[in-house]
């Protein structure tokens, strides 16, 4: 799941049927794969919107995220 999430985030055009098959082999069904895709894609979308608008995180939030 993490490899898929990373690939979807960094190189989404490189997702192939083999990536989906790897998720199925790990025990995910079509609904799980859909949900994983939606969560990762939405998180990426929201971050790009915020970054593109220059939105600053609340005080302390950036420190927390960077230390995680």
Protein backbone atom coordinates (compact mmCIF):
# COMPACT_ATOMS: atom_id res chain seq x y z
CA UNK A 1 0.00 0.00 0.00
CA UNK A 2 2.78 2.41 0.86
CA UNK A 3 4.67 1.69 -2.37
CA UNK A 4 1.47 2.36 -4.32
CA UNK A 5 0.81 5.57 -2.38
CA UNK A 6 4.35 6.78 -3.00
CA UNK A 7 4.17 5.97 -6.71
CA UNK A 8 0.75 7.61 -7.07
CA UNK A 9 2.15 10.71 -5.36
CA UNK A 10 5.48 10.99 -7.15
CA UNK A 11 4.98 9.37 -10.56
CA UNK A 12 1.26 8.77 -11.13
CA UNK A 13 1.65 8.24 -14.89
CA UNK A 14 3.78 5.21 -14.14
CA UNK A 15 1.00 3.27 -12.36
CA UNK A 16 0.41 0.03 -14.25
CA UNK A 17 -1.81 -3.02 -14.01
CA UNK A 18 1.08 -4.70 -12.18
CA UNK A 19 0.79 -2.15 -9.36
CA UNK A 20 -2.88 -2.97 -8.97
CA UNK A 21 -2.13 -6.69 -9.08
CA UNK A 22 0.43 -6.23 -6.29
CA UNK A 23 -2.30 -4.69 -4.15
CA UNK A 24 -4.62 -7.61 -4.87
CA UNK A 25 -1.87 -10.07 -3.98
CA UNK A 26 -1.47 -8.21 -0.68
CA UNK A 27 -5.14 -8.94 0.04
CA UNK A 28 -6.88 -5.78 -1.10
CA UNK A 29 -10.11 -6.08 -3.05
CA UNK A 30 -11.37 -3.60 -5.63
CA UNK A 31 -13.14 -1.48 -3.00
CA UNK A 32 -9.98 -1.31 -0.88
CA UNK A 33 -7.91 -0.29 -3.90
CA UNK A 34 -10.45 2.36 -4.83
CA UNK A 35 -10.47 3.74 -1.28
CA UNK A 36 -6.66 3.77 -1.14
CA UNK A 37 -6.51 5.61 -4.45
CA UNK A 38 -9.08 8.18 -3.33
CA UNK A 39 -7.42 8.92 0.01
CA UNK A 40 -3.96 9.33 -1.51
CA UNK A 41 -5.20 11.38 -4.47
CA UNK A 42 -7.31 13.66 -2.25
CA UNK A 43 -4.45 14.24 0.20
CA UNK A 44 -2.17 15.15 -2.71
CA UNK A 45 -4.80 17.45 -4.20
CA UNK A 46 -5.42 19.33 -0.96
CA UNK A 47 -1.71 19.78 -0.34
CA UNK A 48 -1.11 21.09 -3.85
CA UNK A 49 -3.99 23.56 -3.53
CA UNK A 50 -2.66 24.80 -0.19
CA UNK A 51 0.91 25.02 -1.46
CA UNK A 52 -0.21 26.72 -4.67
CA UNK A 53 -2.06 29.38 -2.70
CA UNK A 54 0.79 29.90 -0.25
CA UNK A 55 -1.30 28.82 2.71
CA UNK A 56 0.73 28.59 5.90
CA UNK A 57 0.10 25.91 8.49
CA UNK A 58 -1.01 26.89 11.96
CA UNK A 59 1.71 27.63 14.46
CA UNK A 60 3.50 24.42 15.45
CA UNK A 61 1.83 22.25 12.81
CA UNK A 62 4.77 22.38 10.37
CA UNK A 63 7.21 21.47 13.19
CA UNK A 64 5.01 18.53 14.11
CA UNK A 65 4.79 17.27 10.53
CA UNK A 66 8.51 17.65 9.93
CA UNK A 67 9.36 15.74 13.10
CA UNK A 68 7.01 12.83 12.25
